[in-house]
Amino acid sequence: MTTLRNSVQLIGRLGTDPKTKKFGKNSSITRFSLATSDSYTNKEGERVTDTQWHNVVLRNGLAGVAEKYLQKGHEVAVSGKLINRSWDDDAGAKHYITEIEVTDLVLLEKKAKTA
């Protein structure tokens, strides 16, 4: 049951190209936005699409896979956990963000990354 405590699974499309930062010899972190969409019919009979955007973070080995194979528009399945963090900017303003820290990544796109 512990796997249900903080678990996220999403299928969506990348809204941005992955951006990778390297730390030291073997550490890296890759970030991108992921769009998930649901559709429904409203009271007027019109089809409505609701898109949610998610901040995605991958570390080390998975970061390398994302950097090598993914680009904006590619469809992926991710599994991981929610991470909340905050920081103060140079002006002293506090900022908050919720991210999905990915532990499993499945590439659903058949197209290869173009150089």
PDB file of N, CA and C in Angstrom:
ATOM      1  N   MET A   1       0.797  -1.211   0.000  1.00  0.00           N
ATOM      2  CA  MET A   1       0.000   0.000   0.000  1.00  0.00           C
ATOM      3  C   MET A   1       0.834   1.267   0.000  1.00  0.00           C
ATOM      4  N   THR A   2       2.084   1.193   0.346  1.00  0.00           N
ATOM      5  CA  THR A   2       2.886   2.410   0.414  1.00  0.00           C
ATOM      6  C   THR A   2       3.047   3.058  -0.958  1.00  0.00           C
ATOM      7  N   THR A   3       2.918   2.293  -2.043  1.00  0.00           N
ATOM      8  CA  THR A   3       3.068   2.885  -3.361  1.00  0.00           C
ATOM      9  C   THR A   3       1.902   3.796  -3.714  1.00  0.00           C
ATOM     10  N   LEU A   4       0.793   3.720  -2.984  1.00  0.00           N
ATOM     11  CA  LEU A   4      -0.355   4.581  -3.259  1.00  0.00           C
ATOM     12  C   LEU A   4      -0.275   5.914  -2.533  1.00  0.00           C
ATOM     13  N   ARG A   5       0.628   6.072  -1.622  1.00  0.00           N
ATOM     14  CA  ARG A   5       0.676   7.280  -0.802  1.00  0.00           C
ATOM     15  C   ARG A   5       0.999   8.547  -1.593  1.00  0.00           C
ATOM     16  N   ASN A   6       1.916   8.473  -2.511  1.00  0.00           N
ATOM     17  CA  ASN A   6       2.267   9.634  -3.336  1.00  0.00           C
ATOM     18  C   ASN A   6       2.642   9.090  -4.706  1.00  0.00           C
ATOM     19  N   SER A   7       1.635   8.861  -5.535  1.00  0.00           N
ATOM     20  CA  SER A   7       1.860   8.223  -6.820  1.00  0.00           C
ATOM     21  C   SER A   7       1.113   8.973  -7.915  1.00  0.00           C
ATOM     22  N   VAL A   8       1.802   9.199  -9.036  1.00  0.00           N
ATOM     23  CA  VAL A   8       1.215   9.897 -10.186  1.00  0.00           C
ATOM     24  C   VAL A   8       1.538   9.100 -11.441  1.00  0.00           C
ATOM     25  N   GLN A   9       0.535   8.923 -12.295  1.00  0.00           N
ATOM     26  CA  GLN A   9       0.737   8.306 -13.598  1.00  0.00           C
ATOM     27  C   GLN A   9      -0.001   9.151 -14.629  1.00  0.00           C
ATOM     28  N   LEU A  10       0.710   9.562 -15.674  1.00  0.00           N
ATOM     29  CA  LEU A  10       0.128  10.422 -16.700  1.00  0.00           C
ATOM     30  C   LEU A  10       0.574   9.981 -18.090  1.00  0.00           C
ATOM     31  N   ILE A  11      -0.299  10.206 -19.058  1.00  0.00           N
ATOM     32  CA  ILE A  11       0.059  10.083 -20.465  1.00  0.00           C
ATOM     33  C   ILE A  11      -0.243  11.430 -21.087  1.00  0.00           C
ATOM     34  N   GLY A  12       0.743  12.002 -21.764  1.00  0.00           N
ATOM     35  CA  GLY A  12       0.551  13.307 -22.374  1.00  0.00           C
ATOM     36  C   GLY A  12       1.620  13.616 -23.394  1.00  0.00           C
ATOM     37  N   ARG A  13       1.580  14.849 -23.869  1.00  0.00           N
ATOM     38  CA  ARG A  13       2.540  15.317 -24.875  1.00  0.00           C
ATOM     39  C   ARG A  13       3.412  16.426 -24.304  1.00  0.00           C
ATOM     40  N   LEU A  14       4.690  16.392 -24.698  1.00  0.00           N
ATOM     41  CA  LEU A  14       5.620  17.413 -24.241  1.00  0.00           C
ATOM     42  C   LEU A  14       5.235  18.768 -24.815  1.00  0.00           C
ATOM     43  N   GLY A  15       5.178  19.756 -23.944  1.00  0.00           N
ATOM     44  CA  GLY A  15       4.875  21.119 -24.373  1.00  0.00           C
ATOM     45  C   GLY A  15       6.128  21.920 -24.676  1.00  0.00           C
ATOM     46  N   THR A  16       7.264  21.407 -24.247  1.00  0.00           N
ATOM     47  CA  THR A  16       8.556  22.055 -24.487  1.00  0.00           C
ATOM     48  C   THR A  16       9.598  20.981 -24.781  1.00  0.00           C
ATOM     49  N   ASP A  17      10.667  21.371 -25.443  1.00  0.00           N
ATOM     50  CA  ASP A  17      11.793  20.457 -25.583  1.00  0.00           C
ATOM     51  C   ASP A  17      12.419  20.250 -24.201  1.00  0.00           C
ATOM     52  N   PRO A  18      12.906  19.050 -23.913  1.00  0.00           N
ATOM     53  CA  PRO A  18      13.569  18.811 -22.625  1.00  0.00           C
ATOM     54  C   PRO A  18      14.804  19.699 -22.481  1.00  0.00           C
ATOM     55  N   LYS A  19      14.997  20.204 -21.271  1.00  0.00           N
ATOM     56  CA  LYS A  19      16.173  21.021 -20.963  1.00  0.00           C
ATOM     57  C   LYS A  19      16.951  20.303 -19.857  1.00  0.00           C
ATOM     58  N   THR A  20      18.229  20.032 -20.135  1.00  0.00           N
ATOM     59  CA  THR A  20      19.054  19.248 -19.215  1.00  0.00           C
ATOM     60  C   THR A  20      20.163  20.101 -18.625  1.00  0.00           C
ATOM     61  N   LYS A  21      20.388  19.927 -17.322  1.00  0.00           N
ATOM     62  CA  LYS A  21      21.527  20.530 -16.628  1.00  0.00           C
ATOM     63  C   LYS A  21      22.364  19.396 -16.075  1.00  0.00           C
ATOM     64  N   LYS A  22      23.673  19.511 -16.242  1.00  0.00           N
ATOM     65  CA  LYS A  22      24.592  18.484 -15.748  1.00  0.00           C
ATOM     66  C   LYS A  22      25.300  19.002 -14.508  1.00  0.00           C
ATOM     67  N   PHE A  23      25.474  18.103 -13.540  1.00  0.00           N
ATOM     68  CA  PHE A  23      26.140  18.421 -12.280  1.00  0.00           C
ATOM     69  C   PHE A  23      27.242  17.401 -12.056  1.00  0.00           C
ATOM     70  N   GLY A  24      28.467  17.870 -12.032  1.00  0.00           N
ATOM     71  CA  GLY A  24      29.571  16.945 -11.815  1.00  0.00           C
ATOM     72  C   GLY A  24      29.715  15.975 -12.974  1.00  0.00           C
ATOM     73  N   LYS A  25      30.273  14.801 -12.668  1.00  0.00           N
ATOM     74  CA  LYS A  25      30.589  13.837 -13.710  1.00  0.00           C
ATOM     75  C   LYS A  25      29.394  12.991 -14.139  1.00  0.00           C
ATOM     76  N   ASN A  26      28.555  12.552 -13.190  1.00  0.00           N
ATOM     77  CA  ASN A  26      27.508  11.596 -13.517  1.00  0.00           C
ATOM     78  C   ASN A  26      26.093  12.019 -13.124  1.00  0.00           C
ATOM     79  N   SER A  27      25.879  13.245 -12.751  1.00  0.00           N
ATOM     80  CA  SER A  27      24.556  13.681 -12.320  1.00  0.00           C
ATOM     81  C   SER A  27      23.971  14.676 -13.309  1.00  0.00           C
ATOM     82  N   SER A  28      22.679  14.511 -13.577  1.00  0.00           N
ATOM     83  CA  SER A  28      21.989  15.463 -14.451  1.00  0.00           C
ATOM     84  C   SER A  28      20.514  15.490 -14.091  1.00  0.00           C
ATOM     85  N   ILE A  29      19.854  16.567 -14.506  1.00  0.00           N
ATOM     86  CA  ILE A  29      18.430  16.725 -14.287  1.00  0.00           C
ATOM     87  C   ILE A  29      17.825  17.302 -15.565  1.00  0.00           C
ATOM     88  N   THR A  30      16.722  16.727 -15.992  1.00  0.00           N
ATOM     89  CA  THR A  30      16.029  17.189 -17.193  1.00  0.00           C
ATOM     90  C   THR A  30      14.621  17.606 -16.813  1.00  0.00           C
ATOM     91  N   ARG A  31      14.176  18.717 -17.385  1.00  0.00           N
ATOM     92  CA  ARG A  31      12.834  19.237 -17.108  1.00  0.00           C
ATOM     93  C   ARG A  31      12.099  19.488 -18.421  1.00  0.00           C
ATOM     94  N   PHE A  32      10.781  19.272 -18.388  1.00  0.00           N
ATOM     95  CA  PHE A  32       9.909  19.669 -19.493  1.00  0.00           C
ATOM     96  C   PHE A  32       8.484  19.778 -18.984  1.00  0.00           C
ATOM     97  N   SER A  33       7.642  20.443 -19.754  1.00  0.00           N
ATOM     98  CA  SER A  33       6.225  20.518 -19.406  1.00  0.00           C
ATOM     99  C   SER A  33       5.482  19.422 -20.165  1.00  0.00           C
ATOM    100  N   LEU A  34       4.433  18.890 -19.536  1.00  0.00           N
ATOM    101  CA  LEU A  34       3.639  17.817 -20.113  1.00  0.00           C
ATOM    102  C   LEU A  34       2.175  18.226 -20.092  1.00  0.00           C
ATOM    103  N   ALA A  35       1.510  18.102 -21.251  1.00  0.00           N
ATOM    104  CA  ALA A  35       0.092  18.435 -21.363  1.00  0.00           C
ATOM    105  C   ALA A  35      -0.749  17.168 -21.349  1.00  0.00           C
ATOM    106  N   THR A  36      -1.774  17.162 -20.498  1.00  0.00           N
ATOM    107  CA  THR A  36      -2.765  16.088 -20.507  1.00  0.00           C
ATOM    108  C   THR A  36      -4.110  16.722 -20.820  1.00  0.00           C
ATOM    109  N   SER A  37      -4.933  16.018 -21.582  1.00  0.00           N
ATOM    110  CA  SER A  37      -6.218  16.594 -22.014  1.00  0.00           C
ATOM    111  C   SER A  37      -7.365  15.617 -21.765  1.00  0.00           C
ATOM    112  N   ASP A  38      -8.497  16.172 -21.350  1.00  0.00           N
ATOM    113  CA  ASP A  38      -9.752  15.451 -21.218  1.00  0.00           C
ATOM    114  C   ASP A  38     -10.800  16.199 -22.029  1.00  0.00           C
ATOM    115  N   SER A  39     -11.723  15.462 -22.620  1.00  0.00           N
ATOM    116  CA  SER A  39     -12.801  16.085 -23.397  1.00  0.00           C
ATOM    117  C   SER A  39     -14.148  15.672 -22.830  1.00  0.00           C
ATOM    118  N   TYR A  40     -15.110  16.590 -22.935  1.00  0.00           N
ATOM    119  CA  TYR A  40     -16.469  16.299 -22.504  1.00  0.00           C
ATOM    120  C   TYR A  40     -17.429  17.158 -23.317  1.00  0.00           C
ATOM    121  N   THR A  41     -18.713  16.829 -23.238  1.00  0.00           N
ATOM    122  CA  THR A  41     -19.749  17.596 -23.918  1.00  0.00           C
ATOM    123  C   THR A  41     -20.483  18.430 -22.881  1.00  0.00           C
ATOM    124  N   ASN A  42     -20.550  19.749 -23.108  1.00  0.00           N
ATOM    125  CA  ASN A  42     -21.214  20.627 -22.149  1.00  0.00           C
ATOM    126  C   ASN A  42     -22.737  20.607 -22.342  1.00  0.00           C
ATOM    127  N   LYS A  43     -23.458  21.406 -21.555  1.00  0.00           N
ATOM    128  CA  LYS A  43     -24.930  21.430 -21.607  1.00  0.00           C
ATOM    129  C   LYS A  43     -25.471  21.855 -22.960  1.00  0.00           C
ATOM    130  N   GLU A  44     -24.694  22.640 -23.698  1.00  0.00           N
ATOM    131  CA  GLU A  44     -25.119  23.111 -25.025  1.00  0.00           C
ATOM    132  C   GLU A  44     -24.793  22.096 -26.121  1.00  0.00           C
ATOM    133  N   GLY A  45     -24.221  20.975 -25.756  1.00  0.00           N
ATOM    134  CA  GLY A  45     -23.889  19.943 -26.731  1.00  0.00           C
ATOM    135  C   GLY A  45     -22.564  20.173 -27.441  1.00  0.00           C
ATOM    136  N   GLU A  46     -21.775  21.129 -26.963  1.00  0.00           N
ATOM    137  CA  GLU A  46     -20.492  21.437 -27.582  1.00  0.00           C
ATOM    138  C   GLU A  46     -19.384  20.587 -26.951  1.00  0.00           C
ATOM    139  N   ARG A  47     -18.471  20.162 -27.783  1.00  0.00           N
ATOM    140  CA  ARG A  47     -17.321  19.387 -27.303  1.00  0.00           C
ATOM    141  C   ARG A  47     -16.301  20.354 -26.703  1.00  0.00           C
ATOM    142  N   VAL A  48     -15.899  20.106 -25.463  1.00  0.00           N
ATOM    143  CA  VAL A  48     -14.960  20.964 -24.748  1.00  0.00           C
ATOM    144  C   VAL A  48     -13.736  20.131 -24.361  1.00  0.00           C
ATOM    145  N   THR A  49     -12.553  20.681 -24.607  1.00  0.00           N
ATOM    146  CA  THR A  49     -11.310  20.020 -24.220  1.00  0.00           C
ATOM    147  C   THR A  49     -10.670  20.801 -23.088  1.00  0.00           C
ATOM    148  N   ASP A  50     -10.341  20.100 -22.015  1.00  0.00           N
ATOM    149  CA  ASP A  50      -9.694  20.695 -20.849  1.00  0.00           C
ATOM    150  C   ASP A  50      -8.261  20.184 -20.799  1.00  0.00           C
ATOM    151  N   THR A  51      -7.289  21.089 -20.952  1.00  0.00           N
ATOM    152  CA  THR A  51      -5.875  20.715 -20.940  1.00  0.00           C
ATOM    153  C   THR A  51      -5.238  21.175 -19.639  1.00  0.00           C
ATOM    154  N   GLN A  52      -4.526  20.275 -18.989  1.00  0.00           N
ATOM    155  CA  GLN A  52      -3.772  20.578 -17.773  1.00  0.00           C
ATOM    156  C   GLN A  52      -2.286  20.478 -18.092  1.00  0.00           C
ATOM    157  N   TRP A  53      -1.485  21.382 -17.500  1.00  0.00           N
ATOM    158  CA  TRP A  53      -0.041  21.382 -17.724  1.00  0.00           C
ATOM    159  C   TRP A  53       0.666  20.940 -16.459  1.00  0.00           C
ATOM    160  N   HIS A  54       1.687  20.107 -16.621  1.00  0.00           N
ATOM    161  CA  HIS A  54       2.426  19.539 -15.506  1.00  0.00           C
ATOM    162  C   HIS A  54       3.923  19.792 -15.700  1.00  0.00           C
ATOM    163  N   ASN A  55       4.608  20.108 -14.614  1.00  0.00           N
ATOM    164  CA  ASN A  55       6.061  20.271 -14.619  1.00  0.00           C
ATOM    165  C   ASN A  55       6.686  18.920 -14.306  1.00  0.00           C
ATOM    166  N   VAL A  56       7.545  18.426 -15.203  1.00  0.00           N
ATOM    167  CA  VAL A  56       8.117  17.089 -15.079  1.00  0.00           C
ATOM    168  C   VAL A  56       9.631  17.194 -14.877  1.00  0.00           C
ATOM    169  N   VAL A  57      10.146  16.357 -13.952  1.00  0.00           N
ATOM    170  CA  VAL A  57      11.571  16.332 -13.629  1.00  0.00           C
ATOM    171  C   VAL A  57      12.077  14.895 -13.711  1.00  0.00           C
ATOM    172  N   LEU A  58      13.184  14.700 -14.415  1.00  0.00           N
ATOM    173  CA  LEU A  58      13.836  13.385 -14.500  1.00  0.00           C
ATOM    174  C   LEU A  58      15.285  13.553 -14.076  1.00  0.00           C
ATOM    175  N   ARG A  59      15.820  12.553 -13.398  1.00  0.00           N
ATOM    176  CA  ARG A  59      17.193  12.635 -12.903  1.00  0.00           C
ATOM    177  C   ARG A  59      18.073  11.543 -13.513  1.00  0.00           C
ATOM    178  N   ASN A  60      19.328  11.867 -13.663  1.00  0.00           N
ATOM    179  CA  ASN A  60      20.408  10.948 -14.047  1.00  0.00           C
ATOM    180  C   ASN A  60      20.070  10.097 -15.274  1.00  0.00           C
ATOM    181  N   GLY A  61      19.924   8.776 -15.152  1.00  0.00           N
ATOM    182  CA  GLY A  61      19.709   7.907 -16.312  1.00  0.00           C
ATOM    183  C   GLY A  61      18.484   8.275 -17.129  1.00  0.00           C
ATOM    184  N   LEU A  62      17.361   8.520 -16.450  1.00  0.00           N
ATOM    185  CA  LEU A  62      16.148   8.914 -17.175  1.00  0.00           C
ATOM    186  C   LEU A  62      16.303  10.287 -17.817  1.00  0.00           C
ATOM    187  N   ALA A  63      17.075  11.155 -17.185  1.00  0.00           N
ATOM    188  CA  ALA A  63      17.343  12.473 -17.762  1.00  0.00           C
ATOM    189  C   ALA A  63      18.066  12.319 -19.091  1.00  0.00           C
ATOM    190  N   GLY A  64      19.004  11.402 -19.155  1.00  0.00           N
ATOM    191  CA  GLY A  64      19.741  11.149 -20.396  1.00  0.00           C
ATOM    192  C   GLY A  64      18.845  10.596 -21.495  1.00  0.00           C
ATOM    193  N   VAL A  65      17.925   9.709 -21.125  1.00  0.00           N
ATOM    194  CA  VAL A  65      16.985   9.154 -22.108  1.00  0.00           C
ATOM    195  C   VAL A  65      16.111  10.267 -22.673  1.00  0.00           C
ATOM    196  N   ALA A  66      15.581  11.114 -21.797  1.00  0.00           N
ATOM    197  CA  ALA A  66      14.721  12.215 -22.252  1.00  0.00           C
ATOM    198  C   ALA A  66      15.489  13.173 -23.154  1.00  0.00           C
ATOM    199  N   GLU A  67      16.701  13.501 -22.770  1.00  0.00           N
ATOM    200  CA  GLU A  67      17.525  14.413 -23.561  1.00  0.00           C
ATOM    201  C   GLU A  67      17.805  13.846 -24.946  1.00  0.00           C
ATOM    202  N   LYS A  68      18.040  12.552 -25.019  1.00  0.00           N
ATOM    203  CA  LYS A  68      18.429  11.909 -26.271  1.00  0.00           C
ATOM    204  C   LYS A  68      17.247  11.654 -27.208  1.00  0.00           C
ATOM    205  N   TYR A  69      16.094  11.267 -26.659  1.00  0.00           N
ATOM    206  CA  TYR A  69      15.009  10.774 -27.501  1.00  0.00           C
ATOM    207  C   TYR A  69      13.757  11.654 -27.582  1.00  0.00           C
ATOM    208  N   LEU A  70      13.588  12.615 -26.677  1.00  0.00           N
ATOM    209  CA  LEU A  70      12.333  13.363 -26.640  1.00  0.00           C
ATOM    210  C   LEU A  70      12.462  14.771 -27.200  1.00  0.00           C
ATOM    211  N   GLN A  71      11.342  15.258 -27.717  1.00  0.00           N
ATOM    212  CA  GLN A  71      11.254  16.653 -28.141  1.00  0.00           C
ATOM    213  C   GLN A  71       9.805  17.100 -28.018  1.00  0.00           C
ATOM    214  N   LYS A  72       9.592  18.391 -28.122  1.00  0.00           N
ATOM    215  CA  LYS A  72       8.256  18.983 -28.017  1.00  0.00           C
ATOM    216  C   LYS A  72       7.282  18.241 -28.934  1.00  0.00           C
ATOM    217  N   GLY A  73       6.106  17.899 -28.385  1.00  0.00           N
ATOM    218  CA  GLY A  73       5.074  17.228 -29.156  1.00  0.00           C
ATOM    219  C   GLY A  73       5.057  15.721 -29.007  1.00  0.00           C
ATOM    220  N   HIS A  74       6.160  15.117 -28.553  1.00  0.00           N
ATOM    221  CA  HIS A  74       6.212  13.662 -28.383  1.00  0.00           C
ATOM    222  C   HIS A  74       5.265  13.225 -27.263  1.00  0.00           C
ATOM    223  N   GLU A  75       4.655  12.047 -27.453  1.00  0.00           N
ATOM    224  CA  GLU A  75       3.762  11.485 -26.444  1.00  0.00           C
ATOM    225  C   GLU A  75       4.550  10.521 -25.550  1.00  0.00           C
ATOM    226  N   VAL A  76       4.346  10.648 -24.227  1.00  0.00           N
ATOM    227  CA  VAL A  76       5.027   9.800 -23.256  1.00  0.00           C
ATOM    228  C   VAL A  76       4.061   9.399 -22.144  1.00  0.00           C
ATOM    229  N   ALA A  77       4.406   8.325 -21.468  1.00  0.00           N
ATOM    230  CA  ALA A  77       3.748   7.934 -20.224  1.00  0.00           C
ATOM    231  C   ALA A  77       4.784   8.084 -19.117  1.00  0.00           C
ATOM    232  N   VAL A  78       4.395   8.732 -18.028  1.00  0.00           N
ATOM    233  CA  VAL A  78       5.300   8.913 -16.899  1.00  0.00           C
ATOM    234  C   VAL A  78       4.634   8.393 -15.629  1.00  0.00           C
ATOM    235  N   SER A  79       5.468   7.926 -14.730  1.00  0.00           N
ATOM    236  CA  SER A  79       5.028   7.490 -13.413  1.00  0.00           C
ATOM    237  C   SER A  79       6.030   8.041 -12.419  1.00  0.00           C
ATOM    238  N   GLY A  80       5.531   8.521 -11.291  1.00  0.00           N
ATOM    239  CA  GLY A  80       6.434   9.077 -10.292  1.00  0.00           C
ATOM    240  C   GLY A  80       5.684   9.583  -9.097  1.00  0.00           C
ATOM    241  N   LYS A  81       6.220  10.639  -8.479  1.00  0.00           N
ATOM    242  CA  LYS A  81       5.594  11.211  -7.298  1.00  0.00           C
ATOM    243  C   LYS A  81       5.594  12.729  -7.378  1.00  0.00           C
ATOM    244  N   LEU A  82       4.684  13.337  -6.614  1.00  0.00           N
ATOM    245  CA  LEU A  82       4.599  14.794  -6.561  1.00  0.00           C
ATOM    246  C   LEU A  82       5.632  15.348  -5.595  1.00  0.00           C
ATOM    247  N   ILE A  83       6.280  16.417  -6.023  1.00  0.00           N
ATOM    248  CA  ILE A  83       7.260  17.123  -5.196  1.00  0.00           C
ATOM    249  C   ILE A  83       6.832  18.589  -5.159  1.00  0.00           C
ATOM    250  N   ASN A  84       6.724  19.158  -3.967  1.00  0.00           N
ATOM    251  CA  ASN A  84       6.456  20.590  -3.798  1.00  0.00           C
ATOM    252  C   ASN A  84       7.728  21.241  -3.287  1.00  0.00           C
ATOM    253  N   ARG A  85       8.090  22.366  -3.885  1.00  0.00           N
ATOM    254  CA  ARG A  85       9.270  23.077  -3.401  1.00  0.00           C
ATOM    255  C   ARG A  85       9.037  24.578  -3.520  1.00  0.00           C
ATOM    256  N   SER A  86       9.858  25.335  -2.832  1.00  0.00           N
ATOM    257  CA  SER A  86       9.755  26.798  -2.873  1.00  0.00           C
ATOM    258  C   SER A  86      11.153  27.399  -2.858  1.00  0.00           C
ATOM    259  N   TRP A  87      11.235  28.643  -3.298  1.00  0.00           N
ATOM    260  CA  TRP A  87      12.503  29.369  -3.286  1.00  0.00           C
ATOM    261  C   TRP A  87      12.213  30.862  -3.255  1.00  0.00           C
ATOM    262  N   ASP A  88      13.211  31.634  -2.833  1.00  0.00           N
ATOM    263  CA  ASP A  88      13.130  33.094  -2.813  1.00  0.00           C
ATOM    264  C   ASP A  88      13.956  33.634  -3.969  1.00  0.00           C
ATOM    265  N   ASP A  89      13.377  34.569  -4.733  1.00  0.00           N
ATOM    266  CA  ASP A  89      14.135  35.166  -5.835  1.00  0.00           C
ATOM    267  C   ASP A  89      15.004  36.302  -5.298  1.00  0.00           C
ATOM    268  N   ASP A  90      15.724  36.956  -6.197  1.00  0.00           N
ATOM    269  CA  ASP A  90      16.650  38.025  -5.801  1.00  0.00           C
ATOM    270  C   ASP A  90      15.948  39.192  -5.133  1.00  0.00           C
ATOM    271  N   ALA A  91      14.662  39.405  -5.470  1.00  0.00           N
ATOM    272  CA  ALA A  91      13.903  40.509  -4.878  1.00  0.00           C
ATOM    273  C   ALA A  91      13.271  40.103  -3.545  1.00  0.00           C
ATOM    274  N   GLY A  92      13.463  38.853  -3.125  1.00  0.00           N
ATOM    275  CA  GLY A  92      12.924  38.391  -1.858  1.00  0.00           C
ATOM    276  C   GLY A  92      11.518  37.811  -1.949  1.00  0.00           C
ATOM    277  N   ALA A  93      10.973  37.705  -3.162  1.00  0.00           N
ATOM    278  CA  ALA A  93       9.628  37.137  -3.337  1.00  0.00           C
ATOM    279  C   ALA A  93       9.699  35.615  -3.269  1.00  0.00           C
ATOM    280  N   LYS A  94       8.747  35.020  -2.597  1.00  0.00           N
ATOM    281  CA  LYS A  94       8.692  33.565  -2.449  1.00  0.00           C
ATOM    282  C   LYS A  94       7.936  32.972  -3.638  1.00  0.00           C
ATOM    283  N   HIS A  95       8.476  31.901  -4.223  1.00  0.00           N
ATOM    284  CA  HIS A  95       7.855  31.203  -5.347  1.00  0.00           C
ATOM    285  C   HIS A  95       7.626  29.744  -4.951  1.00  0.00           C
ATOM    286  N   TYR A  96       6.528  29.182  -5.464  1.00  0.00           N
ATOM    287  CA  TYR A  96       6.176  27.794  -5.184  1.00  0.00           C
ATOM    288  C   TYR A  96       5.967  27.050  -6.494  1.00  0.00           C
ATOM    289  N   ILE A  97       6.305  25.760  -6.506  1.00  0.00           N
ATOM    290  CA  ILE A  97       6.098  24.945  -7.695  1.00  0.00           C
ATOM    291  C   ILE A  97       5.799  23.506  -7.256  1.00  0.00           C
ATOM    292  N   THR A  98       4.938  22.854  -8.012  1.00  0.00           N
ATOM    293  CA  THR A  98       4.676  21.429  -7.843  1.00  0.00           C
ATOM    294  C   THR A  98       5.195  20.728  -9.089  1.00  0.00           C
ATOM    295  N   GLU A  99       5.985  19.676  -8.890  1.00  0.00           N
ATOM    296  CA  GLU A  99       6.587  18.949 -10.002  1.00  0.00           C
ATOM    297  C   GLU A  99       6.309  17.457  -9.856  1.00  0.00           C
ATOM    298  N   ILE A 100       6.396  16.764 -10.968  1.00  0.00           N
ATOM    299  CA  ILE A 100       6.325  15.313 -10.965  1.00  0.00           C
ATOM    300  C   ILE A 100       7.744  14.793 -11.124  1.00  0.00           C
ATOM    301  N   GLU A 101       8.241  14.116 -10.097  1.00  0.00           N
ATOM    302  CA  GLU A 101       9.566  13.507 -10.170  1.00  0.00           C
ATOM    303  C   GLU A 101       9.377  12.095 -10.727  1.00  0.00           C
ATOM    304  N   VAL A 102       9.856  11.879 -11.932  1.00  0.00           N
ATOM    305  CA  VAL A 102       9.591  10.652 -12.678  1.00  0.00           C
ATOM    306  C   VAL A 102      10.519   9.524 -12.239  1.00  0.00           C
ATOM    307  N   THR A 103       9.906   8.344 -12.012  1.00  0.00           N
ATOM    308  CA  THR A 103      10.670   7.139 -11.713  1.00  0.00           C
ATOM    309  C   THR A 103      10.591   6.137 -12.864  1.00  0.00           C
ATOM    310  N   ASP A 104       9.558   6.250 -13.705  1.00  0.00           N
ATOM    311  CA  ASP A 104       9.399   5.384 -14.878  1.00  0.00           C
ATOM    312  C   ASP A 104       8.951   6.227 -16.060  1.00  0.00           C
ATOM    313  N   LEU A 105       9.522   5.954 -17.229  1.00  0.00           N
ATOM    314  CA  LEU A 105       9.231   6.700 -18.450  1.00  0.00           C
ATOM    315  C   LEU A 105       9.027   5.714 -19.594  1.00  0.00           C
ATOM    316  N   VAL A 106       7.922   5.885 -20.326  1.00  0.00           N
ATOM    317  CA  VAL A 106       7.666   5.066 -21.509  1.00  0.00           C
ATOM    318  C   VAL A 106       7.500   6.004 -22.689  1.00  0.00           C
ATOM    319  N   LEU A 107       8.304   5.798 -23.742  1.00  0.00           N
ATOM    320  CA  LEU A 107       8.221   6.612 -24.948  1.00  0.00           C
ATOM    321  C   LEU A 107       7.115   6.039 -25.829  1.00  0.00           C
ATOM    322  N   LEU A 108       6.104   6.828 -26.125  1.00  0.00           N
ATOM    323  CA  LEU A 108       4.974   6.372 -26.921  1.00  0.00           C
ATOM    324  C   LEU A 108       5.032   6.875 -28.352  1.00  0.00           C
ATOM    325  N   GLU A 109       5.966   7.772 -28.636  1.00  0.00           N
ATOM    326  CA  GLU A 109       6.107   8.376 -29.953  1.00  0.00           C
ATOM    327  C   GLU A 109       6.906   7.470 -30.857  1.00  0.00           C
ATOM    328  N   LYS A 110       6.435   7.266 -32.077  1.00  0.00           N
ATOM    329  CA  LYS A 110       7.149   6.417 -33.037  1.00  0.00           C
ATOM    330  C   LYS A 110       8.197   7.179 -33.817  1.00  0.00           C
ATOM    331  N   LYS A 111       8.055   8.498 -33.867  1.00  0.00           N
ATOM    332  CA  LYS A 111       9.029   9.310 -34.601  1.00  0.00           C
ATOM    333  C   LYS A 111      10.296   9.483 -33.763  1.00  0.00           C
ATOM    334  N   ALA A 112      11.426   9.432 -34.433  1.00  0.00           N
ATOM    335  CA  ALA A 112      12.707   9.658 -33.757  1.00  0.00           C
ATOM    336  C   ALA A 112      12.926  11.139 -33.583  1.00  0.00           C
ATOM    337  N   LYS A 113      13.739  11.516 -32.612  1.00  0.00           N
ATOM    338  CA  LYS A 113      14.102  12.912 -32.402  1.00  0.00           C
ATOM    339  C   LYS A 113      14.923  13.389 -33.577  1.00  0.00           C
ATOM    340  N   THR A 114      14.587  14.577 -34.094  1.00  0.00           N
ATOM    341  CA  THR A 114      15.340  15.145 -35.198  1.00  0.00           C
ATOM    342  C   THR A 114      16.431  16.032 -34.652  1.00  0.00           C
ATOM    343  N   ALA A 115      17.536  16.051 -35.331  1.00  0.00           N
ATOM    344  CA  ALA A 115      18.693  16.833 -34.866  1.00  0.00           C
ATOM    345  C   ALA A 115      18.535  18.293 -35.126  1.00  0.00           C
TER     346      ALA A 115
END
